[in-house]
Protein backbone atom coordinates (compact mmCIF):
# COMPACT_ATOMS: atom_id res chain seq x y z
CA MET A 1 156.23 112.55 -65.47
CA ASN A 2 159.99 111.49 -66.06
CA MET A 3 162.10 114.64 -66.49
CA GLU A 4 165.50 115.75 -65.31
CA PRO A 5 165.42 118.00 -62.13
CA SER A 6 166.25 121.01 -64.06
CA SER A 7 163.31 120.42 -66.32
CA HIS A 8 161.23 120.01 -63.26
CA ARG A 9 162.32 123.41 -62.13
CA ARG A 10 161.70 125.10 -65.28
CA ALA A 11 158.28 123.65 -65.70
CA LEU A 12 157.48 124.42 -62.01
CA VAL A 13 158.59 128.15 -62.18
CA GLU A 14 156.58 128.52 -65.46
CA PHE A 15 153.61 127.31 -63.64
CA LEU A 16 154.25 129.41 -60.34
CA ASN A 17 154.56 132.43 -62.68
CA SER A 18 151.09 131.78 -63.82
CA VAL A 19 149.60 131.68 -60.14
CA ALA A 20 151.76 134.46 -58.71
CA LYS A 21 150.23 137.73 -57.47
CA PRO A 22 149.91 139.99 -60.37
CA GLY A 23 153.13 141.79 -60.93
CA SER A 24 155.03 139.02 -59.34
CA ARG A 25 157.41 136.63 -60.92
CA VAL A 26 159.60 133.70 -59.35
CA ASP A 27 162.01 133.28 -62.19
CA ASP A 28 164.95 134.54 -59.86
CA VAL A 29 163.68 133.41 -56.49
CA ASP A 30 165.98 130.93 -54.50
CA ASP A 31 164.98 127.48 -54.02
CA ASP A 32 164.58 128.22 -50.19
CA THR A 33 162.48 131.41 -50.50
CA ASN A 34 159.18 131.13 -48.71
CA LEU A 35 156.90 132.24 -51.60
CA ILE A 36 154.05 132.94 -49.28
CA GLN A 37 156.10 135.06 -46.81
CA ALA A 38 157.81 136.94 -49.64
CA GLY A 39 154.23 137.86 -50.86
CA LEU A 40 154.84 136.19 -54.28
CA VAL A 41 151.70 133.79 -53.88
CA ASP A 42 148.73 133.62 -51.57
CA SER A 43 146.87 130.94 -49.96
CA PHE A 44 144.60 130.12 -53.10
CA ALA A 45 147.82 129.85 -55.28
CA LEU A 46 148.99 127.41 -52.69
CA ILE A 47 145.92 125.08 -53.29
CA GLN A 48 146.55 125.62 -57.14
CA ILE A 49 150.20 124.49 -56.51
CA ILE A 50 149.15 121.27 -54.45
CA PHE A 51 146.54 120.41 -57.35
CA TYR A 52 149.19 121.04 -59.95
CA LEU A 53 151.63 118.84 -58.20
CA GLU A 54 149.12 116.05 -57.68
CA GLN A 55 148.15 116.05 -61.19
CA ASN A 56 151.36 116.55 -63.09
CA TYR A 57 153.73 114.51 -60.77
CA ALA A 58 151.21 111.87 -59.19
CA LEU A 59 151.96 113.22 -55.91
CA ASN A 60 149.85 111.88 -53.03
CA LEU A 61 150.86 114.24 -50.19
CA PRO A 62 149.28 112.14 -47.34
CA ALA A 63 150.97 108.88 -48.55
CA LEU A 64 154.38 110.48 -48.87
CA GLY A 65 154.08 112.32 -45.66
CA ILE A 66 154.28 115.72 -46.82
CA ASP A 67 152.85 118.77 -45.19
CA PRO A 68 151.46 121.18 -47.50
CA ALA A 69 153.55 123.73 -45.70
CA ASP A 70 156.57 122.01 -47.06
CA LEU A 71 155.36 123.31 -50.54
CA ALA A 72 155.90 126.98 -49.75
CA THR A 73 159.37 127.00 -51.26
CA ILE A 74 160.56 125.80 -54.80
CA GLY A 75 163.13 123.64 -53.07
CA GLY A 76 160.26 121.94 -51.01
CA MET A 77 158.25 121.24 -54.16
CA LEU A 78 161.22 119.87 -55.94
CA ALA A 79 161.81 117.57 -53.06
CA ALA A 80 158.31 116.42 -53.07
CA ILE A 81 158.49 115.63 -56.62
CA ALA A 82 161.66 113.71 -56.19
CA ARG A 83 160.13 111.71 -53.46
CA ALA A 84 157.11 110.82 -55.64
CA GLY A 85 159.59 109.65 -58.23
CA GLU A 86 161.19 107.08 -55.88
């Protein structure tokens, strides 16, 4: 998927809102906020996030040396997307 970083963020936030805990939204969350610690997503959502990133951005976490814990923030997810595009 070849998109500008701001487009990646918009698409990612839209997806994250769909897997966030009921009543939670990530629209105004800083890129460095840990979504799990903030109570916005749970461990099941993290699995969905990993699947989304692998399917939509051809991310191969082990090949890129990315720890799934690095995907707890929007910034971490965007960094992983950028690494996959290199």
